[in-house]
Amino acid sequence: GQEKNILVVSHGGTISLAFIHIFGFDMDRMYHAIRHYNCSFSVIEWPSPDAQPRIECLNNIGHLK
């Protein structure tokens, strides 16, 4: 298959909801636990639709130093 990259730029709450949906997290427990600071980035590796997605990094702000 052909590898594709998708970039999503959004507010932290929307990004949290995406993580909750993709990974099947419990909404009540995880919505406020997943933090996204301004200008941070997160990476999800998802090799194929039938594969398990994997969090590569979450809320990375190392580029801001």
C-alpha atoms as a PDB file:
ATOM      1  CA  GLY A   1       0.000   0.000   0.000  1.00  0.00           C
ATOM      2  CA  GLN A   2       0.886   3.602  -0.397  1.00  0.00           C
ATOM      3  CA  GLU A   3       1.982   5.478   2.734  1.00  0.00           C
ATOM      4  CA  LYS A   4       0.114   8.708   3.425  1.00  0.00           C
ATOM      5  CA  ASN A   5       0.611  11.464   5.961  1.00  0.00           C
ATOM      6  CA  ILE A   6      -2.287  13.533   7.251  1.00  0.00           C
ATOM      7  CA  LEU A   7      -1.810  16.795   9.124  1.00  0.00           C
ATOM      8  CA  VAL A   8      -4.598  18.001  11.410  1.00  0.00           C
ATOM      9  CA  VAL A   9      -4.366  21.497  12.894  1.00  0.00           C
ATOM     10  CA  SER A  10      -6.974  22.233  15.526  1.00  0.00           C
ATOM     11  CA  HIS A  11      -7.779  23.284  19.073  1.00  0.00           C
ATOM     12  CA  GLY A  12      -6.671  21.069  21.947  1.00  0.00           C
ATOM     13  CA  GLY A  13     -10.189  19.912  22.836  1.00  0.00           C
ATOM     14  CA  THR A  14     -10.804  18.678  19.313  1.00  0.00           C
ATOM     15  CA  ILE A  15      -7.456  16.888  19.261  1.00  0.00           C
ATOM     16  CA  SER A  16      -8.348  15.236  22.599  1.00  0.00           C
ATOM     17  CA  LEU A  17     -11.642  14.038  21.126  1.00  0.00           C
ATOM     18  CA  ALA A  18      -9.810  12.580  18.131  1.00  0.00           C
ATOM     19  CA  PHE A  19      -7.498  10.598  20.435  1.00  0.00           C
ATOM     20  CA  ILE A  20     -10.485   9.395  22.493  1.00  0.00           C
ATOM     21  CA  HIS A  21     -12.271   8.212  19.353  1.00  0.00           C
ATOM     22  CA  ILE A  22      -9.254   6.611  17.642  1.00  0.00           C
ATOM     23  CA  PHE A  23      -8.090   4.702  20.720  1.00  0.00           C
ATOM     24  CA  GLY A  24     -11.501   3.985  22.284  1.00  0.00           C
ATOM     25  CA  PHE A  25     -10.637   5.816  25.501  1.00  0.00           C
ATOM     26  CA  ASP A  26     -13.292   6.513  28.122  1.00  0.00           C
ATOM     27  CA  MET A  27     -14.580  10.070  27.514  1.00  0.00           C
ATOM     28  CA  ASP A  28     -15.208  10.929  31.178  1.00  0.00           C
ATOM     29  CA  ARG A  29     -11.771   9.760  32.303  1.00  0.00           C
ATOM     30  CA  MET A  30      -9.614  10.939  29.422  1.00  0.00           C
ATOM     31  CA  TYR A  31     -11.022  14.215  28.052  1.00  0.00           C
ATOM     32  CA  HIS A  32      -9.212  16.382  30.610  1.00  0.00           C
ATOM     33  CA  ALA A  33      -6.273  13.970  30.978  1.00  0.00           C
ATOM     34  CA  ILE A  34      -5.057  14.428  27.394  1.00  0.00           C
ATOM     35  CA  ARG A  35      -3.405  17.860  27.261  1.00  0.00           C
ATOM     36  CA  HIS A  36      -2.399  19.791  24.153  1.00  0.00           C
ATOM     37  CA  TYR A  37      -0.491  23.013  24.674  1.00  0.00           C
ATOM     38  CA  ASN A  38      -0.412  25.840  22.159  1.00  0.00           C
ATOM     39  CA  CYS A  39       1.916  25.000  19.257  1.00  0.00           C
ATOM     40  CA  SER A  40       2.449  21.418  20.456  1.00  0.00           C
ATOM     41  CA  PHE A  41       2.235  18.442  18.148  1.00  0.00           C
ATOM     42  CA  SER A  42       1.312  14.804  18.532  1.00  0.00           C
ATOM     43  CA  VAL A  43       1.965  11.933  16.150  1.00  0.00           C
ATOM     44  CA  ILE A  44      -0.126   8.799  15.657  1.00  0.00           C
ATOM     45  CA  GLU A  45       1.377   5.971  13.593  1.00  0.00           C
ATOM     46  CA  TRP A  46      -1.387   3.973  11.912  1.00  0.00           C
ATOM     47  CA  PRO A  47       0.140   1.647   9.317  1.00  0.00           C
ATOM     48  CA  SER A  48      -3.143   0.352   7.877  1.00  0.00           C
ATOM     49  CA  PRO A  49      -6.889   0.451   8.618  1.00  0.00           C
ATOM     50  CA  ASP A  50      -6.799  -3.048  10.124  1.00  0.00           C
ATOM     51  CA  ALA A  51      -3.684  -2.372  12.247  1.00  0.00           C
ATOM     52  CA  GLN A  52      -3.657  -0.987  15.782  1.00  0.00           C
ATOM     53  CA  PRO A  53      -2.781   2.738  15.860  1.00  0.00           C
ATOM     54  CA  ARG A  54       0.158   3.750  18.065  1.00  0.00           C
ATOM     55  CA  ILE A  55       0.976   7.067  19.750  1.00  0.00           C
ATOM     56  CA  GLU A  56       4.472   8.130  18.631  1.00  0.00           C
ATOM     57  CA  CYS A  57       4.488  11.355  20.671  1.00  0.00           C
ATOM     58  CA  LEU A  58       1.931  13.371  22.592  1.00  0.00           C
ATOM     59  CA  ASN A  59       1.927  17.105  23.255  1.00  0.00           C
ATOM     60  CA  ASN A  60       5.517  17.641  22.067  1.00  0.00           C
ATOM     61  CA  ILE A  61       6.744  21.209  22.589  1.00  0.00           C
ATOM     62  CA  GLY A  62      10.471  20.510  22.190  1.00  0.00           C
ATOM     63  CA  HIS A  63      10.625  22.642  19.045  1.00  0.00           C
ATOM     64  CA  LEU A  64       9.649  25.759  21.055  1.00  0.00           C
ATOM     65  CA  LYS A  65      12.856  25.914  23.116  1.00  0.00           C
END
